C-alpha cells in the first residue's frame, strides 16, 4: 500500500455519504473519527518520546535524583579548607604501640603542603627517612586508647604537623591525612 492510498483511505472515512432520500449523513462522525485518530497518533508519539528520554536518562545515570544539602554545614565552613598538594612518598607504616599487651598500628600517611611549593616538596623527598622515623616514633610511644577515636585522630594530625614542621628548614606543611589508619590486637 503506498502513501497516497493510505491518505485516500482517510478521506473515505471522513467523506459524506448520500442516503436514498438525498440527505447527507456521516459528516460529523467522520470528522470526529479523524480528530480522534490524529489525537491518538500525536499522543502515542509524545508518550514514545518521553519513554525514550526517561530510559536514556536512567541508563546514563542522571536520573531524576535530587541532591540535598547536609544540615549543619554553612558556606563559610565549605570555603575554610585550602586546596593542597599532597606528598605520598611515606608509604605504609607498621609498628607496635606502647601497651603492655601490644597492639599493631597500620597507617598510610600523606603530607599536605601549599600548592606548587617546590621547596617544600623537595625537602619532603630529601627528608623522607627522617619523617618516616618521626611518625613511627610518635605512634610507637602511644597506647592504643590514645590512638583511637575522632578526638584523638585530630590531636594526632596536629601533633604530626608540628613534629614534621620541626624537621623542615625551608617551608611548612599544612596537614597530614591518612589513607588507612588501623590499630589492631596482635
Protein backbone atom coordinates (compact mmCIF):
# COMPACT_ATOMS: atom_id res chain seq x y z
CA UNK A 1 0.00 0.00 0.00
CA UNK A 2 1.55 3.35 -0.98
CA UNK A 3 1.40 6.61 0.97
CA UNK A 4 -1.22 8.02 -1.40
CA UNK A 5 -3.51 5.04 -0.86
CA UNK A 6 -3.10 5.45 2.91
CA UNK A 7 -4.28 9.05 2.78
CA UNK A 8 -7.04 8.22 0.30
CA UNK A 9 -8.46 5.74 2.78
CA UNK A 10 -8.50 8.51 5.40
CA UNK A 11 -10.61 10.70 3.16
CA UNK A 12 -13.14 7.95 2.67
CA UNK A 13 -13.71 7.69 6.41
CA UNK A 14 -14.49 11.39 6.72
CA UNK A 15 -16.36 11.70 3.45
CA UNK A 16 -20.02 12.38 3.10
CA UNK A 17 -22.50 9.74 2.15
CA UNK A 18 -25.74 10.47 0.46
CA UNK A 19 -28.66 8.42 1.70
CA UNK A 20 -31.55 7.29 -0.52
CA UNK A 21 -33.56 10.39 0.40
CA UNK A 22 -30.77 12.80 -0.64
CA UNK A 23 -29.70 13.60 2.95
CA UNK A 24 -26.07 13.85 3.88
CA UNK A 25 -25.10 11.56 6.74
CA UNK A 26 -21.83 10.76 8.44
CA UNK A 27 -20.06 14.19 8.21
CA UNK A 28 -19.81 14.86 11.95
CA UNK A 29 -18.99 11.28 12.94
CA UNK A 30 -16.38 11.13 10.14
CA UNK A 31 -14.73 14.38 11.34
CA UNK A 32 -14.77 13.14 14.94
CA UNK A 33 -13.08 9.91 13.88
CA UNK A 34 -10.35 11.87 12.05
CA UNK A 35 -9.73 14.13 15.08
CA UNK A 36 -9.61 11.17 17.46
CA UNK A 37 -7.27 9.26 15.13
CA UNK A 38 -4.76 12.14 14.82
CA UNK A 39 -5.01 12.92 18.54
CA UNK A 40 -4.19 9.27 19.26
CA UNK A 41 -1.22 9.34 16.89
CA UNK A 42 0.19 12.56 18.42
CA UNK A 43 -0.41 11.31 21.97
CA UNK A 44 1.28 7.99 21.13
CA UNK A 45 4.29 9.84 19.66
CA UNK A 46 4.61 12.04 22.78
CA UNK A 47 4.45 9.01 25.09
CA UNK A 48 7.04 7.21 22.95
CA UNK A 49 9.47 10.18 23.04
CA UNK A 50 9.04 10.69 26.81
CA UNK A 51 9.65 6.98 27.42
CA UNK A 52 12.84 7.03 25.32
CA UNK A 53 14.12 10.12 27.15
CA UNK A 54 13.43 8.62 30.59
CA UNK A 55 15.12 5.32 29.71
CA UNK A 56 18.14 7.17 28.27
CA UNK A 57 18.49 9.36 31.37
CA UNK A 58 18.21 6.33 33.62
CA UNK A 59 20.89 4.45 31.68
CA UNK A 60 23.25 7.44 31.70
CA UNK A 61 22.88 7.79 35.45
CA UNK A 62 21.49 11.32 35.50
CA UNK A 63 18.06 10.13 36.56
CA UNK A 64 15.75 12.40 38.46
CA UNK A 65 17.54 12.23 41.78
CA UNK A 66 17.90 15.45 43.66
CA UNK A 67 20.81 16.44 45.79
CA UNK A 68 20.10 17.63 49.28
CA UNK A 69 22.27 19.73 51.45
CA UNK A 70 23.71 18.21 54.62
CA UNK A 71 22.23 20.10 57.57
CA UNK A 72 24.65 22.00 59.73
CA UNK A 73 27.16 22.86 57.03
CA UNK A 74 27.48 26.51 56.14
CA UNK A 75 29.10 28.25 53.20
CA UNK A 76 31.84 29.58 55.49
CA UNK A 77 32.80 26.05 56.53
CA UNK A 78 32.98 24.80 52.93
CA UNK A 79 35.43 27.53 51.92
CA UNK A 80 37.68 27.32 55.00
CA UNK A 81 39.89 24.37 53.90
CA UNK A 82 42.56 25.30 51.39
CA UNK A 83 43.48 23.19 48.40
CA UNK A 84 46.80 21.45 49.00
CA UNK A 85 49.34 19.38 47.12
CA UNK A 86 49.98 16.03 48.79
CA UNK A 87 53.24 14.14 49.29
CA UNK A 88 52.51 10.40 49.31
CA UNK A 89 56.06 9.06 49.38
CA UNK A 90 55.94 7.97 53.03
CA UNK A 91 54.11 4.73 52.23
CA UNK A 92 52.53 2.29 54.65
CA UNK A 93 53.98 2.20 58.16
CA UNK A 94 53.54 -0.60 60.70
CA UNK A 95 54.61 -0.88 64.28
CA UNK A 96 53.54 -1.69 67.83
CA UNK A 97 52.02 0.53 70.47
CA UNK A 98 53.43 1.12 73.96
CA UNK A 99 50.74 -1.03 75.66
CA UNK A 100 51.69 -3.99 77.83
CA UNK A 101 49.56 -6.15 75.55
CA UNK A 102 50.89 -4.89 72.26
CA UNK A 103 48.63 -3.60 69.52
CA UNK A 104 49.74 -3.19 65.93
CA UNK A 105 49.16 0.07 64.08
CA UNK A 106 48.99 0.20 60.30
CA UNK A 107 48.91 3.67 58.78
CA UNK A 108 49.43 5.27 55.39
CA UNK A 109 50.08 8.99 55.91
CA UNK A 110 50.06 11.74 53.28
CA UNK A 111 51.51 15.18 53.89
CA UNK A 112 49.73 18.29 52.63
CA UNK A 113 51.61 21.45 51.65
CA UNK A 114 50.87 24.66 49.75
CA UNK A 115 50.14 24.22 46.05
CA UNK A 116 53.19 24.47 43.76
CA UNK A 117 55.63 24.95 46.66
CA UNK A 118 58.60 23.11 45.12
CA UNK A 119 60.93 23.90 48.03
CA UNK A 120 58.71 22.03 50.50
CA UNK A 121 58.18 19.19 48.03
CA UNK A 122 61.93 18.77 47.54
CA UNK A 123 62.60 18.87 51.26
CA UNK A 124 59.89 16.25 51.91
CA UNK A 125 61.60 13.98 49.38
CA UNK A 126 65.05 14.59 50.92
CA UNK A 127 63.78 14.06 54.48
CA UNK A 128 61.60 11.04 53.71
CA UNK A 129 63.51 8.69 56.05
CA UNK A 130 63.55 11.23 58.89
CA UNK A 131 59.83 11.87 58.52
CA UNK A 132 59.06 8.13 58.48
CA UNK A 133 61.13 7.68 61.65
CA UNK A 134 59.40 10.62 63.38
CA UNK A 135 55.95 9.20 62.58
CA UNK A 136 56.96 5.70 63.71
CA UNK A 137 58.38 7.04 66.98
CA UNK A 138 55.23 9.04 67.63
CA UNK A 139 52.89 6.08 67.14
CA UNK A 140 55.16 3.62 68.98
CA UNK A 141 55.22 5.85 72.05
CA UNK A 142 51.41 5.92 72.35
CA UNK A 143 48.94 3.45 73.80
CA UNK A 144 46.09 2.05 71.68
CA UNK A 145 43.44 4.07 73.55
CA UNK A 146 45.41 7.26 72.73
CA UNK A 147 45.25 6.46 69.01
CA UNK A 148 41.59 5.52 68.67
CA UNK A 149 38.65 7.92 68.33
CA UNK A 150 37.92 11.08 66.38
CA UNK A 151 39.22 13.48 69.04
CA UNK A 152 42.49 11.56 69.23
CA UNK A 153 42.77 11.48 65.43
CA UNK A 154 42.58 15.28 65.24
CA UNK A 155 45.18 15.59 68.01
CA UNK A 156 47.45 13.08 66.23
CA UNK A 157 47.26 15.02 62.98
CA UNK A 158 48.08 18.31 64.75
CA UNK A 159 50.98 16.69 66.66
CA UNK A 160 52.41 15.21 63.46
CA UNK A 161 52.18 18.56 61.63
CA UNK A 162 54.14 20.18 64.49
CA UNK A 163 56.77 17.40 64.62
CA UNK A 164 57.31 17.35 60.84
CA UNK A 165 57.50 21.14 60.68
CA UNK A 166 60.24 21.00 63.37
CA UNK A 167 62.26 18.86 60.95
CA UNK A 168 61.72 21.20 58.00
CA UNK A 169 64.16 24.01 57.17
CA UNK A 170 62.71 25.65 54.04
CA UNK A 171 58.94 25.60 54.50
CA UNK A 172 55.96 24.36 56.43
CA UNK A 173 53.46 21.58 55.85
CA UNK A 174 49.78 22.32 56.39
CA UNK A 175 48.10 18.97 57.05
CA UNK A 176 48.50 15.23 57.49
CA UNK A 177 45.88 12.79 56.18
CA UNK A 178 45.66 9.01 56.28
CA UNK A 179 44.52 6.55 53.60
CA UNK A 180 44.45 3.81 56.19
CA UNK A 181 44.53 4.12 59.95
CA UNK A 182 44.17 0.87 61.87
CA UNK A 183 45.02 -0.22 65.39
CA UNK A 184 44.54 -3.97 65.82
CA UNK A 185 45.20 -6.56 68.51
CA UNK A 186 48.20 -8.63 67.64
